[in-house]
PDB file of N, CA and C in Angstrom:
ATOM      1  N   MET A   1      79.660  93.179 103.384  1.00  0.00           N
ATOM      2  CA  MET A   1      79.623  94.578 103.001  1.00  0.00           C
ATOM      3  C   MET A   1      80.952  94.940 102.354  1.00  0.00           C
ATOM      4  N   SER A   2      80.870  95.775 101.349  1.00  0.00           N
ATOM      5  CA  SER A   2      82.061  96.191 100.615  1.00  0.00           C
ATOM      6  C   SER A   2      82.935  97.117 101.460  1.00  0.00           C
ATOM      7  N   ASP A   3      84.243  96.980 101.278  1.00  0.00           N
ATOM      8  CA  ASP A   3      85.172  97.867 101.967  1.00  0.00           C
ATOM      9  C   ASP A   3      85.467  99.106 101.144  1.00  0.00           C
ATOM     10  N   LYS A   4      84.895  99.188  99.945  1.00  0.00           N
ATOM     11  CA  LYS A   4      85.126 100.321  99.055  1.00  0.00           C
ATOM     12  C   LYS A   4      84.583 101.598  99.709  1.00  0.00           C
ATOM     13  N   PRO A   5      85.375 102.664  99.702  1.00  0.00           N
ATOM     14  CA  PRO A   5      84.892 103.919 100.281  1.00  0.00           C
ATOM     15  C   PRO A   5      83.629 104.414  99.559  1.00  0.00           C
ATOM     16  N   VAL A   6      82.685 104.912 100.302  1.00  0.00           N
ATOM     17  CA  VAL A   6      81.420 105.374  99.742  1.00  0.00           C
ATOM     18  C   VAL A   6      81.654 106.443  98.672  1.00  0.00           C
ATOM     19  N   ALA A   7      82.610 107.320  98.890  1.00  0.00           N
ATOM     20  CA  ALA A   7      82.884 108.401  97.949  1.00  0.00           C
ATOM     21  C   ALA A   7      83.348 107.901  96.582  1.00  0.00           C
ATOM     22  N   GLU A   8      83.786 106.648  96.506  1.00  0.00           N
ATOM     23  CA  GLU A   8      84.253 106.082  95.247  1.00  0.00           C
ATOM     24  C   GLU A   8      83.199 105.193  94.581  1.00  0.00           C
ATOM     25  N   MET A   9      82.057 105.027  95.203  1.00  0.00           N
ATOM     26  CA  MET A   9      81.024 104.135  94.684  1.00  0.00           C
ATOM     27  C   MET A   9      80.206 104.797  93.586  1.00  0.00           C
ATOM     28  N   SER A  10      79.816 103.982  92.611  1.00  0.00           N
ATOM     29  CA  SER A  10      78.860 104.441  91.613  1.00  0.00           C
ATOM     30  C   SER A  10      77.483 104.485  92.283  1.00  0.00           C
ATOM     31  N   PHE A  11      76.534 105.063  91.596  1.00  0.00           N
ATOM     32  CA  PHE A  11      75.168 105.107  92.131  1.00  0.00           C
ATOM     33  C   PHE A  11      74.660 103.699  92.395  1.00  0.00           C
ATOM     34  N   GLU A  12      74.867 102.803  91.434  1.00  0.00           N
ATOM     35  CA  GLU A  12      74.374 101.435  91.560  1.00  0.00           C
ATOM     36  C   GLU A  12      75.022 100.691  92.731  1.00  0.00           C
ATOM     37  N   GLU A  13      76.318 100.874  92.904  1.00  0.00           N
ATOM     38  CA  GLU A  13      77.012 100.236  94.031  1.00  0.00           C
ATOM     39  C   GLU A  13      76.472 100.754  95.361  1.00  0.00           C
ATOM     40  N   ALA A  14      76.286 102.060  95.443  1.00  0.00           N
ATOM     41  CA  ALA A  14      75.788 102.662  96.673  1.00  0.00           C
ATOM     42  C   ALA A  14      74.362 102.202  96.977  1.00  0.00           C
ATOM     43  N   MET A  15      73.531 102.076  95.945  1.00  0.00           N
ATOM     44  CA  MET A  15      72.155 101.611  96.155  1.00  0.00           C
ATOM     45  C   MET A  15      72.138 100.171  96.652  1.00  0.00           C
ATOM     46  N   ARG A  16      72.965  99.311  96.058  1.00  0.00           N
ATOM     47  CA  ARG A  16      73.022  97.913  96.506  1.00  0.00           C
ATOM     48  C   ARG A  16      73.477  97.834  97.968  1.00  0.00           C
ATOM     49  N   ALA A  17      74.497  98.619  98.297  1.00  0.00           N
ATOM     50  CA  ALA A  17      75.008  98.624  99.668  1.00  0.00           C
ATOM     51  C   ALA A  17      73.946  99.160 100.633  1.00  0.00           C
ATOM     52  N   LEU A  18      73.216 100.188 100.214  1.00  0.00           N
ATOM     53  CA  LEU A  18      72.168 100.760 101.057  1.00  0.00           C
ATOM     54  C   LEU A  18      71.048  99.738 101.276  1.00  0.00           C
ATOM     55  N   GLU A  19      70.679  99.023 100.233  1.00  0.00           N
ATOM     56  CA  GLU A  19      69.654  97.989 100.372  1.00  0.00           C
ATOM     57  C   GLU A  19      70.104  96.898 101.344  1.00  0.00           C
ATOM     58  N   GLU A  20      71.382  96.564 101.302  1.00  0.00           N
ATOM     59  CA  GLU A  20      71.925  95.563 102.220  1.00  0.00           C
ATOM     60  C   GLU A  20      71.852  96.062 103.662  1.00  0.00           C
ATOM     61  N   VAL A  21      72.217  97.313 103.873  1.00  0.00           N
ATOM     62  CA  VAL A  21      72.168  97.905 105.216  1.00  0.00           C
ATOM     63  C   VAL A  21      70.736  97.916 105.729  1.00  0.00           C
ATOM     64  N   VAL A  22      69.812  98.372 104.897  1.00  0.00           N
ATOM     65  CA  VAL A  22      68.405  98.446 105.314  1.00  0.00           C
ATOM     66  C   VAL A  22      67.886  97.053 105.658  1.00  0.00           C
ATOM     67  N   GLY A  23      68.230  96.060 104.848  1.00  0.00           N
ATOM     68  CA  GLY A  23      67.797  94.692 105.114  1.00  0.00           C
ATOM     69  C   GLY A  23      68.270  94.198 106.469  1.00  0.00           C
ATOM     70  N   LYS A  24      69.534  94.458 106.777  1.00  0.00           N
ATOM     71  CA  LYS A  24      70.080  94.027 108.073  1.00  0.00           C
ATOM     72  C   LYS A  24      69.384  94.740 109.231  1.00  0.00           C
ATOM     73  N   LEU A  25      69.153  96.042 109.057  1.00  0.00           N
ATOM     74  CA  LEU A  25      68.500  96.792 110.124  1.00  0.00           C
ATOM     75  C   LEU A  25      67.049  96.347 110.312  1.00  0.00           C
ATOM     76  N   GLU A  26      66.356  96.055 109.204  1.00  0.00           N
ATOM     77  CA  GLU A  26      64.964  95.615 109.299  1.00  0.00           C
ATOM     78  C   GLU A  26      64.833  94.258 109.983  1.00  0.00           C
ATOM     79  N   ARG A  27      65.790  93.370 109.737  1.00  0.00           N
ATOM     80  CA  ARG A  27      65.743  92.050 110.379  1.00  0.00           C
ATOM     81  C   ARG A  27      65.920  92.178 111.885  1.00  0.00           C
ATOM     82  N   GLY A  28      66.709  93.152 112.301  1.00  0.00           N
ATOM     83  CA  GLY A  28      66.910  93.386 113.730  1.00  0.00           C
ATOM     84  C   GLY A  28      67.730  92.335 114.431  1.00  0.00           C
ATOM     85  N   ASP A  29      68.521  91.591 113.669  1.00  0.00           N
ATOM     86  CA  ASP A  29      69.291  90.512 114.284  1.00  0.00           C
ATOM     87  C   ASP A  29      70.765  90.874 114.471  1.00  0.00           C
ATOM     88  N   VAL A  30      71.046  92.160 114.562  1.00  0.00           N
ATOM     89  CA  VAL A  30      72.424  92.604 114.783  1.00  0.00           C
ATOM     90  C   VAL A  30      72.496  93.311 116.134  1.00  0.00           C
ATOM     91  N   PRO A  31      73.631  93.216 116.806  1.00  0.00           N
ATOM     92  CA  PRO A  31      73.798  93.887 118.097  1.00  0.00           C
ATOM     93  C   PRO A  31      73.639  95.411 117.956  1.00  0.00           C
ATOM     94  N   LEU A  32      73.320  96.053 119.050  1.00  0.00           N
ATOM     95  CA  LEU A  32      73.072  97.492 119.061  1.00  0.00           C
ATOM     96  C   LEU A  32      74.221  98.284 118.460  1.00  0.00           C
ATOM     97  N   GLU A  33      75.442  98.000 118.882  1.00  0.00           N
ATOM     98  CA  GLU A  33      76.595  98.752 118.369  1.00  0.00           C
ATOM     99  C   GLU A  33      76.726  98.610 116.858  1.00  0.00           C
ATOM    100  N   GLU A  34      76.508  97.405 116.348  1.00  0.00           N
ATOM    101  CA  GLU A  34      76.576  97.193 114.902  1.00  0.00           C
ATOM    102  C   GLU A  34      75.423  97.919 114.207  1.00  0.00           C
ATOM    103  N   SER A  35      74.267  97.956 114.848  1.00  0.00           N
ATOM    104  CA  SER A  35      73.118  98.675 114.283  1.00  0.00           C
ATOM    105  C   SER A  35      73.447 100.159 114.113  1.00  0.00           C
ATOM    106  N   ILE A  36      74.114 100.724 115.096  1.00  0.00           N
ATOM    107  CA  ILE A  36      74.497 102.140 115.032  1.00  0.00           C
ATOM    108  C   ILE A  36      75.471 102.362 113.880  1.00  0.00           C
ATOM    109  N   THR A  37      76.451 101.472 113.751  1.00  0.00           N
ATOM    110  CA  THR A  37      77.427 101.567 112.657  1.00  0.00           C
ATOM    111  C   THR A  37      76.729 101.424 111.314  1.00  0.00           C
ATOM    112  N   LEU A  38      75.799 100.468 111.223  1.00  0.00           N
ATOM    113  CA  LEU A  38      75.048 100.279 109.966  1.00  0.00           C
ATOM    114  C   LEU A  38      74.217 101.515 109.634  1.00  0.00           C
ATOM    115  N   TYR A  39      73.575 102.092 110.641  1.00  0.00           N
ATOM    116  CA  TYR A  39      72.760 103.289 110.425  1.00  0.00           C
ATOM    117  C   TYR A  39      73.621 104.435 109.901  1.00  0.00           C
ATOM    118  N   GLU A  40      74.794 104.622 110.488  1.00  0.00           N
ATOM    119  CA  GLU A  40      75.701 105.682 110.041  1.00  0.00           C
ATOM    120  C   GLU A  40      76.139 105.442 108.593  1.00  0.00           C
ATOM    121  N   ARG A  41      76.464 104.188 108.270  1.00  0.00           N
ATOM    122  CA  ARG A  41      76.859 103.851 106.895  1.00  0.00           C
ATOM    123  C   ARG A  41      75.684 104.075 105.950  1.00  0.00           C
ATOM    124  N   GLY A  42      74.502 103.700 106.373  1.00  0.00           N
ATOM    125  CA  GLY A  42      73.308 103.917 105.550  1.00  0.00           C
ATOM    126  C   GLY A  42      73.088 105.384 105.247  1.00  0.00           C
ATOM    127  N   ALA A  43      73.295 106.235 106.229  1.00  0.00           N
ATOM    128  CA  ALA A  43      73.138 107.672 106.022  1.00  0.00           C
ATOM    129  C   ALA A  43      74.158 108.188 105.008  1.00  0.00           C
ATOM    130  N   GLU A  44      75.377 107.687 105.100  1.00  0.00           N
ATOM    131  CA  GLU A  44      76.428 108.083 104.167  1.00  0.00           C
ATOM    132  C   GLU A  44      76.107 107.589 102.745  1.00  0.00           C
ATOM    133  N   LEU A  45      75.608 106.369 102.635  1.00  0.00           N
ATOM    134  CA  LEU A  45      75.236 105.813 101.331  1.00  0.00           C
ATOM    135  C   LEU A  45      74.070 106.582 100.725  1.00  0.00           C
ATOM    136  N   LYS A  46      73.097 106.938 101.541  1.00  0.00           N
ATOM    137  CA  LYS A  46      71.943 107.719 101.069  1.00  0.00           C
ATOM    138  C   LYS A  46      72.408 109.055 100.507  1.00  0.00           C
ATOM    139  N   LYS A  47      73.311 109.696 101.214  1.00  0.00           N
ATOM    140  CA  LYS A  47      73.846 110.983 100.765  1.00  0.00           C
ATOM    141  C   LYS A  47      74.557 110.827  99.415  1.00  0.00           C
ATOM    142  N   ARG A  48      75.325 109.735  99.254  1.00  0.00           N
ATOM    143  CA  ARG A  48      76.032 109.469  97.996  1.00  0.00           C
ATOM    144  C   ARG A  48      75.033 109.260  96.852  1.00  0.00           C
ATOM    145  N   CYS A  49      73.985 108.493  97.098  1.00  0.00           N
ATOM    146  CA  CYS A  49      72.971 108.264  96.068  1.00  0.00           C
ATOM    147  C   CYS A  49      72.297 109.574  95.664  1.00  0.00           C
ATOM    148  N   GLU A  50      71.963 110.391  96.634  1.00  0.00           N
ATOM    149  CA  GLU A  50      71.327 111.675  96.339  1.00  0.00           C
ATOM    150  C   GLU A  50      72.251 112.570  95.515  1.00  0.00           C
ATOM    151  N   ALA A  51      73.538 112.585  95.841  1.00  0.00           N
ATOM    152  CA  ALA A  51      74.497 113.405  95.108  1.00  0.00           C
ATOM    153  C   ALA A  51      74.635 112.929  93.663  1.00  0.00           C
ATOM    154  N   LYS A  52      74.695 111.597  93.470  1.00  0.00           N
ATOM    155  CA  LYS A  52      74.819 111.062  92.115  1.00  0.00           C
ATOM    156  C   LYS A  52      73.556 111.328  91.304  1.00  0.00           C
ATOM    157  N   LEU A  53      72.385 111.254  91.924  1.00  0.00           N
ATOM    158  CA  LEU A  53      71.143 111.572  91.223  1.00  0.00           C
ATOM    159  C   LEU A  53      71.097 113.041  90.824  1.00  0.00           C
ATOM    160  N   LYS A  54      71.513 113.918  91.724  1.00  0.00           N
ATOM    161  CA  LYS A  54      71.535 115.355  91.430  1.00  0.00           C
ATOM    162  C   LYS A  54      72.479 115.632  90.267  1.00  0.00           C
ATOM    163  N   GLU A  55      73.627 114.975  90.277  1.00  0.00           N
ATOM    164  CA  GLU A  55      74.607 115.129  89.207  1.00  0.00           C
ATOM    165  C   GLU A  55      73.999 114.704  87.868  1.00  0.00           C
ATOM    166  N   ALA A  56      73.292 113.592  87.865  1.00  0.00           N
ATOM    167  CA  ALA A  56      72.657 113.100  86.636  1.00  0.00           C
ATOM    168  C   ALA A  56      71.559 114.057  86.178  1.00  0.00           C
ATOM    169  N   GLU A  57      70.766 114.569  87.107  1.00  0.00           N
ATOM    170  CA  GLU A  57      69.705 115.512  86.762  1.00  0.00           C
ATOM    171  C   GLU A  57      70.284 116.779  86.140  1.00  0.00           C
ATOM    172  N   GLU A  58      71.393 117.253  86.672  1.00  0.00           N
ATOM    173  CA  GLU A  58      72.027 118.449  86.134  1.00  0.00           C
ATOM    174  C   GLU A  58      72.548 118.201  84.726  1.00  0.00           C
ATOM    175  N   LYS A  59      73.080 117.021  84.474  1.00  0.00           N
ATOM    176  CA  LYS A  59      73.555 116.688  83.136  1.00  0.00           C
ATOM    177  C   LYS A  59      72.397 116.647  82.147  1.00  0.00           C
ATOM    178  N   VAL A  60      71.288 116.050  82.563  1.00  0.00           N
ATOM    179  CA  VAL A  60      70.113 115.974  81.689  1.00  0.00           C
ATOM    180  C   VAL A  60      69.576 117.384  81.430  1.00  0.00           C
ATOM    181  N   ALA A  61      69.527 118.215  82.445  1.00  0.00           N
ATOM    182  CA  ALA A  61      69.016 119.571  82.299  1.00  0.00           C
ATOM    183  C   ALA A  61      69.894 120.405  81.377  1.00  0.00           C
ATOM    184  N   ALA A  62      71.168 120.023  81.233  1.00  0.00           N
ATOM    185  CA  ALA A  62      72.098 120.811  80.426  1.00  0.00           C
ATOM    186  C   ALA A  62      72.060 120.430  78.950  1.00  0.00           C
ATOM    187  N   ILE A  63      71.299 119.403  78.587  1.00  0.00           N
ATOM    188  CA  ILE A  63      71.221 119.006  77.184  1.00  0.00           C
ATOM    189  C   ILE A  63      70.437 120.073  76.426  1.00  0.00           C
ATOM    190  N   THR A  64      71.011 120.561  75.337  1.00  0.00           N
ATOM    191  CA  THR A  64      70.336 121.568  74.528  1.00  0.00           C
ATOM    192  C   THR A  64      69.624 120.891  73.369  1.00  0.00           C
ATOM    193  N   LEU A  65      68.508 121.471  72.967  1.00  0.00           N
ATOM    194  CA  LEU A  65      67.707 120.925  71.885  1.00  0.00           C
ATOM    195  C   LEU A  65      67.649 121.918  70.732  1.00  0.00           C
ATOM    196  N   ASP A  66      67.520 121.380  69.503  1.00  0.00           N
ATOM    197  CA  ASP A  66      67.349 122.269  68.354  1.00  0.00           C
ATOM    198  C   ASP A  66      65.860 122.603  68.222  1.00  0.00           C
ATOM    199  N   GLY A  67      65.488 123.312  67.187  1.00  0.00           N
ATOM    200  CA  GLY A  67      64.109 123.743  66.990  1.00  0.00           C
ATOM    201  C   GLY A  67      63.124 122.602  66.866  1.00  0.00           C
ATOM    202  N   GLU A  68      63.589 121.433  66.479  1.00  0.00           N
ATOM    203  CA  GLU A  68      62.716 120.269  66.328  1.00  0.00           C
ATOM    204  C   GLU A  68      62.721 119.378  67.568  1.00  0.00           C
ATOM    205  N   GLY A  69      63.418 119.787  68.604  1.00  0.00           N
ATOM    206  CA  GLY A  69      63.453 119.027  69.842  1.00  0.00           C
ATOM    207  C   GLY A  69      64.513 117.946  69.886  1.00  0.00           C
ATOM    208  N   ASN A  70      65.446 117.954  68.920  1.00  0.00           N
ATOM    209  CA  ASN A  70      66.523 116.961  68.908  1.00  0.00           C
ATOM    210  C   ASN A  70      67.709 117.470  69.713  1.00  0.00           C
ATOM    211  N   PRO A  71      68.359 116.589  70.485  1.00  0.00           N
ATOM    212  CA  PRO A  71      69.527 117.025  71.244  1.00  0.00           C
ATOM    213  C   PRO A  71      70.650 117.462  70.297  1.00  0.00           C
ATOM    214  N   THR A  72      71.263 118.593  70.624  1.00  0.00           N
ATOM    215  CA  THR A  72      72.351 119.112  69.794  1.00  0.00           C
ATOM    216  C   THR A  72      73.662 119.162  70.554  1.00  0.00           C
ATOM    217  N   GLY A  73      73.643 119.022  71.816  1.00  0.00           N
ATOM    218  CA  GLY A  73      74.864 119.116  72.635  1.00  0.00           C
ATOM    219  C   GLY A  73      74.483 119.480  74.048  1.00  0.00           C
ATOM    220  N   THR A  74      75.460 119.863  74.791  1.00  0.00           N
ATOM    221  CA  THR A  74      75.200 120.253  76.168  1.00  0.00           C
ATOM    222  C   THR A  74      75.726 121.648  76.421  1.00  0.00           C
ATOM    223  N   THR A  75      75.158 122.258  77.405  1.00  0.00           N
ATOM    224  CA  THR A  75      75.636 123.562  77.850  1.00  0.00           C
ATOM    225  C   THR A  75      76.158 123.381  79.273  1.00  0.00           C
ATOM    226  N   PRO A  76      77.144 124.162  79.655  1.00  0.00           N
ATOM    227  CA  PRO A  76      77.678 124.016  81.010  1.00  0.00           C
ATOM    228  C   PRO A  76      76.605 124.341  82.054  1.00  0.00           C
ATOM    229  N   VAL A  77      76.609 123.586  83.123  1.00  0.00           N
ATOM    230  CA  VAL A  77      75.722 123.851  84.237  1.00  0.00           C
ATOM    231  C   VAL A  77      76.477 124.730  85.212  1.00  0.00           C
ATOM    232  N   GLU A  78      75.881 125.850  85.574  1.00  0.00           N
ATOM    233  CA  GLU A  78      76.558 126.762  86.490  1.00  0.00           C
ATOM    234  C   GLU A  78      76.792 126.083  87.823  1.00  0.00           C
ATOM    235  N   GLY A  79      77.936 126.347  88.392  1.00  0.00           N
ATOM    236  CA  GLY A  79      78.282 125.805  89.699  1.00  0.00           C
ATOM    237  C   GLY A  79      78.952 124.453  89.642  1.00  0.00           C
ATOM    238  N   MET A  80      79.135 123.884  88.466  1.00  0.00           N
ATOM    239  CA  MET A  80      79.797 122.570  88.392  1.00  0.00           C
ATOM    240  C   MET A  80      81.266 122.751  88.264  1.00  0.00           C
TER     241      MET A  80
END
């Protein structure tokens, strides 16, 4: 498992790490204490993935189109 802080991970890094955590938990071959630690890390990774997806959705929603439907630029998303 990567020692990189979750808050610094890209979406792809967080997804790979989350898949690794889920795989270990599904196998059930880790001690209880480690399972708890893995579950906590998985929850943190899930939250990071959701935040990065929301960020991407907001960027896509902010793309402005001209009369023909072509992208012309972006508009600021409120609250960012």
